[in-house]
Amino acid sequence: MDFVCIEKKLIVEVDGGYHSEYEQIKKDELRTERLNGMGFNVIRFSNEEILGNIFGVINKIKNILNE
């Protein structure tokens, strides 16, 4: 987990290139299921998305936090 807001039960994952590999995708899915089962909302962003659209990423996080 890269960032967590305990109060809002939000986890933000920043995924590098290896997260697109089949085995890692399955691991990420299982981990997300476990975290969702504990009441957390998990959102994922790729490194490229953050580097290319940081304001969009920030806005998405803000919107989720304000729900």
PDB file of N, CA and C in Angstrom:
ATOM      1  N   MET A   1       0.861  -1.162   0.000  1.00  0.00           N
ATOM      2  CA  MET A   1       0.000   0.000   0.000  1.00  0.00           C
ATOM      3  C   MET A   1       0.900   1.214   0.000  1.00  0.00           C
ATOM      4  N   ASP A   2       0.563   2.169  -0.852  1.00  0.00           N
ATOM      5  CA  ASP A   2       1.408   3.347  -0.989  1.00  0.00           C
ATOM      6  C   ASP A   2       0.955   4.485  -0.079  1.00  0.00           C
ATOM      7  N   PHE A   3      -0.336   4.746  -0.067  1.00  0.00           N
ATOM      8  CA  PHE A   3      -0.886   5.805   0.775  1.00  0.00           C
ATOM      9  C   PHE A   3      -2.210   5.324   1.357  1.00  0.00           C
ATOM     10  N   VAL A   4      -2.477   5.727   2.596  1.00  0.00           N
ATOM     11  CA  VAL A   4      -3.740   5.344   3.212  1.00  0.00           C
ATOM     12  C   VAL A   4      -4.270   6.517   4.031  1.00  0.00           C
ATOM     13  N   CYS A   5      -5.578   6.696   3.970  1.00  0.00           N
ATOM     14  CA  CYS A   5      -6.286   7.641   4.829  1.00  0.00           C
ATOM     15  C   CYS A   5      -7.212   6.786   5.691  1.00  0.00           C
ATOM     16  N   ILE A   6      -6.780   6.566   6.928  1.00  0.00           N
ATOM     17  CA  ILE A   6      -7.534   5.701   7.837  1.00  0.00           C
ATOM     18  C   ILE A   6      -8.934   6.263   8.078  1.00  0.00           C
ATOM     19  N   GLU A   7      -9.018   7.579   8.300  1.00  0.00           N
ATOM     20  CA  GLU A   7     -10.307   8.209   8.604  1.00  0.00           C
ATOM     21  C   GLU A   7     -11.347   7.943   7.526  1.00  0.00           C
ATOM     22  N   LYS A   8     -10.934   8.022   6.255  1.00  0.00           N
ATOM     23  CA  LYS A   8     -11.860   7.816   5.135  1.00  0.00           C
ATOM     24  C   LYS A   8     -11.804   6.393   4.581  1.00  0.00           C
ATOM     25  N   LYS A   9     -10.923   5.570   5.164  1.00  0.00           N
ATOM     26  CA  LYS A   9     -10.749   4.182   4.720  1.00  0.00           C
ATOM     27  C   LYS A   9     -10.457   4.096   3.221  1.00  0.00           C
ATOM     28  N   LEU A  10      -9.521   4.957   2.796  1.00  0.00           N
ATOM     29  CA  LEU A  10      -9.119   5.016   1.392  1.00  0.00           C
ATOM     30  C   LEU A  10      -7.652   4.627   1.265  1.00  0.00           C
ATOM     31  N   ILE A  11      -7.382   3.734   0.336  1.00  0.00           N
ATOM     32  CA  ILE A  11      -6.013   3.335   0.019  1.00  0.00           C
ATOM     33  C   ILE A  11      -5.738   3.723  -1.423  1.00  0.00           C
ATOM     34  N   VAL A  12      -4.613   4.393  -1.631  1.00  0.00           N
ATOM     35  CA  VAL A  12      -4.187   4.794  -2.971  1.00  0.00           C
ATOM     36  C   VAL A  12      -2.943   3.983  -3.313  1.00  0.00           C
ATOM     37  N   GLU A  13      -3.040   3.230  -4.387  1.00  0.00           N
ATOM     38  CA  GLU A  13      -1.921   2.432  -4.868  1.00  0.00           C
ATOM     39  C   GLU A  13      -1.344   3.088  -6.119  1.00  0.00           C
ATOM     40  N   VAL A  14      -0.023   3.177  -6.155  1.00  0.00           N
ATOM     41  CA  VAL A  14       0.686   3.685  -7.330  1.00  0.00           C
ATOM     42  C   VAL A  14       1.417   2.497  -7.930  1.00  0.00           C
ATOM     43  N   ASP A  15       1.003   2.103  -9.124  1.00  0.00           N
ATOM     44  CA  ASP A  15       1.491   0.872  -9.738  1.00  0.00           C
ATOM     45  C   ASP A  15       2.519   1.142 -10.819  1.00  0.00           C
ATOM     46  N   GLY A  16       3.664   0.494 -10.677  1.00  0.00           N
ATOM     47  CA  GLY A  16       4.691   0.525 -11.709  1.00  0.00           C
ATOM     48  C   GLY A  16       4.378  -0.489 -12.796  1.00  0.00           C
ATOM     49  N   GLY A  17       5.262  -0.583 -13.747  1.00  0.00           N
ATOM     50  CA  GLY A  17       5.051  -1.433 -14.910  1.00  0.00           C
ATOM     51  C   GLY A  17       4.814  -2.898 -14.616  1.00  0.00           C
ATOM     52  N   TYR A  18       5.456  -3.428 -13.568  1.00  0.00           N
ATOM     53  CA  TYR A  18       5.306  -4.858 -13.275  1.00  0.00           C
ATOM     54  C   TYR A  18       3.885  -5.209 -12.835  1.00  0.00           C
ATOM     55  N   HIS A  19       3.070  -4.222 -12.498  1.00  0.00           N
ATOM     56  CA  HIS A  19       1.694  -4.499 -12.104  1.00  0.00           C
ATOM     57  C   HIS A  19       0.825  -4.908 -13.298  1.00  0.00           C
ATOM     58  N   SER A  20       1.364  -4.803 -14.505  1.00  0.00           N
ATOM     59  CA  SER A  20       0.608  -5.220 -15.686  1.00  0.00           C
ATOM     60  C   SER A  20       0.894  -6.676 -16.058  1.00  0.00           C
ATOM     61  N   GLU A  21       1.789  -7.312 -15.305  1.00  0.00           N
ATOM     62  CA  GLU A  21       2.087  -8.724 -15.541  1.00  0.00           C
ATOM     63  C   GLU A  21       0.987  -9.588 -14.916  1.00  0.00           C
ATOM     64  N   TYR A  22       0.638 -10.658 -15.586  1.00  0.00           N
ATOM     65  CA  TYR A  22      -0.493 -11.499 -15.180  1.00  0.00           C
ATOM     66  C   TYR A  22      -0.435 -11.904 -13.707  1.00  0.00           C
ATOM     67  N   GLU A  23       0.699 -12.407 -13.278  1.00  0.00           N
ATOM     68  CA  GLU A  23       0.821 -12.886 -11.896  1.00  0.00           C
ATOM     69  C   GLU A  23       0.603 -11.743 -10.900  1.00  0.00           C
ATOM     70  N   GLN A  24       1.142 -10.578 -11.197  1.00  0.00           N
ATOM     71  CA  GLN A  24       0.984  -9.439 -10.299  1.00  0.00           C
ATOM     72  C   GLN A  24      -0.453  -8.926 -10.304  1.00  0.00           C
ATOM     73  N   ILE A  25      -1.103  -8.973 -11.453  1.00  0.00           N
ATOM     74  CA  ILE A  25      -2.514  -8.568 -11.530  1.00  0.00           C
ATOM     75  C   ILE A  25      -3.345  -9.426 -10.580  1.00  0.00           C
ATOM     76  N   LYS A  26      -3.120 -10.735 -10.603  1.00  0.00           N
ATOM     77  CA  LYS A  26      -3.867 -11.638  -9.719  1.00  0.00           C
ATOM     78  C   LYS A  26      -3.580 -11.341  -8.245  1.00  0.00           C
ATOM     79  N   LYS A  27      -2.318 -11.103  -7.903  1.00  0.00           N
ATOM     80  CA  LYS A  27      -1.959 -10.768  -6.530  1.00  0.00           C
ATOM     81  C   LYS A  27      -2.645  -9.461  -6.097  1.00  0.00           C
ATOM     82  N   ASP A  28      -2.623  -8.477  -6.991  1.00  0.00           N
ATOM     83  CA  ASP A  28      -3.258  -7.192  -6.679  1.00  0.00           C
ATOM     84  C   ASP A  28      -4.761  -7.355  -6.474  1.00  0.00           C
ATOM     85  N   GLU A  29      -5.398  -8.178  -7.309  1.00  0.00           N
ATOM     86  CA  GLU A  29      -6.837  -8.407  -7.170  1.00  0.00           C
ATOM     87  C   GLU A  29      -7.175  -9.038  -5.828  1.00  0.00           C
ATOM     88  N   LEU A  30      -6.392 -10.039  -5.423  1.00  0.00           N
ATOM     89  CA  LEU A  30      -6.625 -10.703  -4.136  1.00  0.00           C
ATOM     90  C   LEU A  30      -6.410  -9.740  -2.972  1.00  0.00           C
ATOM     91  N   ARG A  31      -5.367  -8.946  -3.068  1.00  0.00           N
ATOM     92  CA  ARG A  31      -5.075  -7.977  -2.013  1.00  0.00           C
ATOM     93  C   ARG A  31      -6.192  -6.942  -1.914  1.00  0.00           C
ATOM     94  N   THR A  32      -6.661  -6.475  -3.061  1.00  0.00           N
ATOM     95  CA  THR A  32      -7.755  -5.502  -3.073  1.00  0.00           C
ATOM     96  C   THR A  32      -9.012  -6.102  -2.466  1.00  0.00           C
ATOM     97  N   GLU A  33      -9.317  -7.346  -2.789  1.00  0.00           N
ATOM     98  CA  GLU A  33     -10.485  -8.023  -2.210  1.00  0.00           C
ATOM     99  C   GLU A  33     -10.392  -8.077  -0.684  1.00  0.00           C
ATOM    100  N   ARG A  34      -9.211  -8.429  -0.178  1.00  0.00           N
ATOM    101  CA  ARG A  34      -9.024  -8.491   1.281  1.00  0.00           C
ATOM    102  C   ARG A  34      -9.226  -7.110   1.907  1.00  0.00           C
ATOM    103  N   LEU A  35      -8.653  -6.090   1.292  1.00  0.00           N
ATOM    104  CA  LEU A  35      -8.778  -4.734   1.832  1.00  0.00           C
ATOM    105  C   LEU A  35     -10.218  -4.240   1.742  1.00  0.00           C
ATOM    106  N   ASN A  36     -10.902  -4.540   0.642  1.00  0.00           N
ATOM    107  CA  ASN A  36     -12.314  -4.181   0.525  1.00  0.00           C
ATOM    108  C   ASN A  36     -13.119  -4.874   1.622  1.00  0.00           C
ATOM    109  N   GLY A  37     -12.794  -6.123   1.916  1.00  0.00           N
ATOM    110  CA  GLY A  37     -13.471  -6.864   2.960  1.00  0.00           C
ATOM    111  C   GLY A  37     -13.279  -6.255   4.341  1.00  0.00           C
ATOM    112  N   MET A  38     -12.205  -5.479   4.491  1.00  0.00           N
ATOM    113  CA  MET A  38     -11.947  -4.787   5.755  1.00  0.00           C
ATOM    114  C   MET A  38     -12.553  -3.381   5.749  1.00  0.00           C
ATOM    115  N   GLY A  39     -13.298  -3.071   4.662  1.00  0.00           N
ATOM    116  CA  GLY A  39     -13.983  -1.787   4.592  1.00  0.00           C
ATOM    117  C   GLY A  39     -13.236  -0.687   3.877  1.00  0.00           C
ATOM    118  N   PHE A  40     -12.087  -1.006   3.287  1.00  0.00           N
ATOM    119  CA  PHE A  40     -11.311   0.006   2.578  1.00  0.00           C
ATOM    120  C   PHE A  40     -11.721   0.094   1.116  1.00  0.00           C
ATOM    121  N   ASN A  41     -11.631   1.289   0.577  1.00  0.00           N
ATOM    122  CA  ASN A  41     -11.790   1.539  -0.848  1.00  0.00           C
ATOM    123  C   ASN A  41     -10.376   1.677  -1.413  1.00  0.00           C
ATOM    124  N   VAL A  42     -10.037   0.871  -2.401  1.00  0.00           N
ATOM    125  CA  VAL A  42      -8.705   0.896  -2.996  1.00  0.00           C
ATOM    126  C   VAL A  42      -8.806   1.482  -4.393  1.00  0.00           C
ATOM    127  N   ILE A  43      -7.998   2.520  -4.643  1.00  0.00           N
ATOM    128  CA  ILE A  43      -7.923   3.063  -5.999  1.00  0.00           C
ATOM    129  C   ILE A  43      -6.481   2.946  -6.469  1.00  0.00           C
ATOM    130  N   ARG A  44      -6.330   2.699  -7.744  1.00  0.00           N
ATOM    131  CA  ARG A  44      -5.003   2.478  -8.327  1.00  0.00           C
ATOM    132  C   ARG A  44      -4.742   3.469  -9.452  1.00  0.00           C
ATOM    133  N   PHE A  45      -3.511   3.913  -9.486  1.00  0.00           N
ATOM    134  CA  PHE A  45      -3.042   4.772 -10.563  1.00  0.00           C
ATOM    135  C   PHE A  45      -1.715   4.220 -11.052  1.00  0.00           C
ATOM    136  N   SER A  46      -1.498   4.293 -12.348  1.00  0.00           N
ATOM    137  CA  SER A  46      -0.197   3.889 -12.883  1.00  0.00           C
ATOM    138  C   SER A  46       0.785   5.047 -12.705  1.00  0.00           C
ATOM    139  N   ASN A  47       2.053   4.715 -12.715  1.00  0.00           N
ATOM    140  CA  ASN A  47       3.077   5.762 -12.665  1.00  0.00           C
ATOM    141  C   ASN A  47       2.862   6.759 -13.795  1.00  0.00           C
ATOM    142  N   GLU A  48       2.555   6.237 -14.984  1.00  0.00           N
ATOM    143  CA  GLU A  48       2.368   7.092 -16.150  1.00  0.00           C
ATOM    144  C   GLU A  48       1.194   8.049 -15.966  1.00  0.00           C
ATOM    145  N   GLU A  49       0.127   7.547 -15.381  1.00  0.00           N
ATOM    146  CA  GLU A  49      -1.050   8.380 -15.142  1.00  0.00           C
ATOM    147  C   GLU A  49      -0.708   9.524 -14.191  1.00  0.00           C
ATOM    148  N   ILE A  50       0.051   9.219 -13.166  1.00  0.00           N
ATOM    149  CA  ILE A  50       0.436  10.252 -12.209  1.00  0.00           C
ATOM    150  C   ILE A  50       1.361  11.274 -12.859  1.00  0.00           C
ATOM    151  N   LEU A  51       2.337  10.807 -13.613  1.00  0.00           N
ATOM    152  CA  LEU A  51       3.271  11.724 -14.258  1.00  0.00           C
ATOM    153  C   LEU A  51       2.617  12.550 -15.362  1.00  0.00           C
ATOM    154  N   GLY A  52       1.664  11.954 -16.076  1.00  0.00           N
ATOM    155  CA  GLY A  52       1.046  12.635 -17.209  1.00  0.00           C
ATOM    156  C   GLY A  52      -0.217  13.407 -16.893  1.00  0.00           C
ATOM    157  N   ASN A  53      -0.831  13.136 -15.723  1.00  0.00           N
ATOM    158  CA  ASN A  53      -2.110  13.773 -15.411  1.00  0.00           C
ATOM    159  C   ASN A  53      -2.278  13.928 -13.896  1.00  0.00           C
ATOM    160  N   ILE A  54      -1.291  14.525 -13.256  1.00  0.00           N
ATOM    161  CA  ILE A  54      -1.306  14.630 -11.802  1.00  0.00           C
ATOM    162  C   ILE A  54      -2.551  15.355 -11.297  1.00  0.00           C
ATOM    163  N   PHE A  55      -2.993  16.392 -12.015  1.00  0.00           N
ATOM    164  CA  PHE A  55      -4.165  17.135 -11.553  1.00  0.00           C
ATOM    165  C   PHE A  55      -5.435  16.287 -11.651  1.00  0.00           C
ATOM    166  N   GLY A  56      -5.535  15.447 -12.659  1.00  0.00           N
ATOM    167  CA  GLY A  56      -6.663  14.528 -12.763  1.00  0.00           C
ATOM    168  C   GLY A  56      -6.653  13.512 -11.634  1.00  0.00           C
ATOM    169  N   VAL A  57      -5.467  13.015 -11.296  1.00  0.00           N
ATOM    170  CA  VAL A  57      -5.324  12.065 -10.199  1.00  0.00           C
ATOM    171  C   VAL A  57      -5.733  12.720  -8.881  1.00  0.00           C
ATOM    172  N   ILE A  58      -5.228  13.917  -8.647  1.00  0.00           N
ATOM    173  CA  ILE A  58      -5.567  14.643  -7.413  1.00  0.00           C
ATOM    174  C   ILE A  58      -7.062  14.888  -7.332  1.00  0.00           C
ATOM    175  N   ASN A  59      -7.663  15.297  -8.440  1.00  0.00           N
ATOM    176  CA  ASN A  59      -9.108  15.547  -8.438  1.00  0.00           C
ATOM    177  C   ASN A  59      -9.906  14.279  -8.151  1.00  0.00           C
ATOM    178  N   LYS A  60      -9.474  13.160  -8.706  1.00  0.00           N
ATOM    179  CA  LYS A  60     -10.181  11.898  -8.437  1.00  0.00           C
ATOM    180  C   LYS A  60     -10.096  11.546  -6.957  1.00  0.00           C
ATOM    181  N   ILE A  61      -8.927  11.700  -6.370  1.00  0.00           N
ATOM    182  CA  ILE A  61      -8.752  11.419  -4.940  1.00  0.00           C
ATOM    183  C   ILE A  61      -9.612  12.364  -4.111  1.00  0.00           C
ATOM    184  N   LYS A  62      -9.595  13.639  -4.450  1.00  0.00           N
ATOM    185  CA  LYS A  62     -10.421  14.621  -3.727  1.00  0.00           C
ATOM    186  C   LYS A  62     -11.896  14.260  -3.801  1.00  0.00           C
ATOM    187  N   ASN A  63     -12.368  13.891  -4.985  1.00  0.00           N
ATOM    188  CA  ASN A  63     -13.782  13.534  -5.158  1.00  0.00           C
ATOM    189  C   ASN A  63     -14.159  12.345  -4.286  1.00  0.00           C
ATOM    190  N   ILE A  64     -13.299  11.358  -4.244  1.00  0.00           N
ATOM    191  CA  ILE A  64     -13.590  10.184  -3.419  1.00  0.00           C
ATOM    192  C   ILE A  64     -13.586  10.549  -1.948  1.00  0.00           C
ATOM    193  N   LEU A  65     -12.645  11.379  -1.521  1.00  0.00           N
ATOM    194  CA  LEU A  65     -12.583  11.790  -0.122  1.00  0.00           C
ATOM    195  C   LEU A  65     -13.791  12.627   0.286  1.00  0.00           C
ATOM    196  N   ASN A  66     -14.361  13.343  -0.667  1.00  0.00           N
ATOM    197  CA  ASN A  66     -15.508  14.215  -0.363  1.00  0.00           C
ATOM    198  C   ASN A  66     -16.844  13.506  -0.484  1.00  0.00           C
ATOM    199  N   GLU A  67     -16.868  12.246  -0.878  1.00  0.00           N
ATOM    200  CA  GLU A  67     -18.143  11.512  -1.013  1.00  0.00           C
ATOM    201  C   GLU A  67     -18.758  11.260   0.339  1.00  0.00           C
TER     202      GLU A  67
END
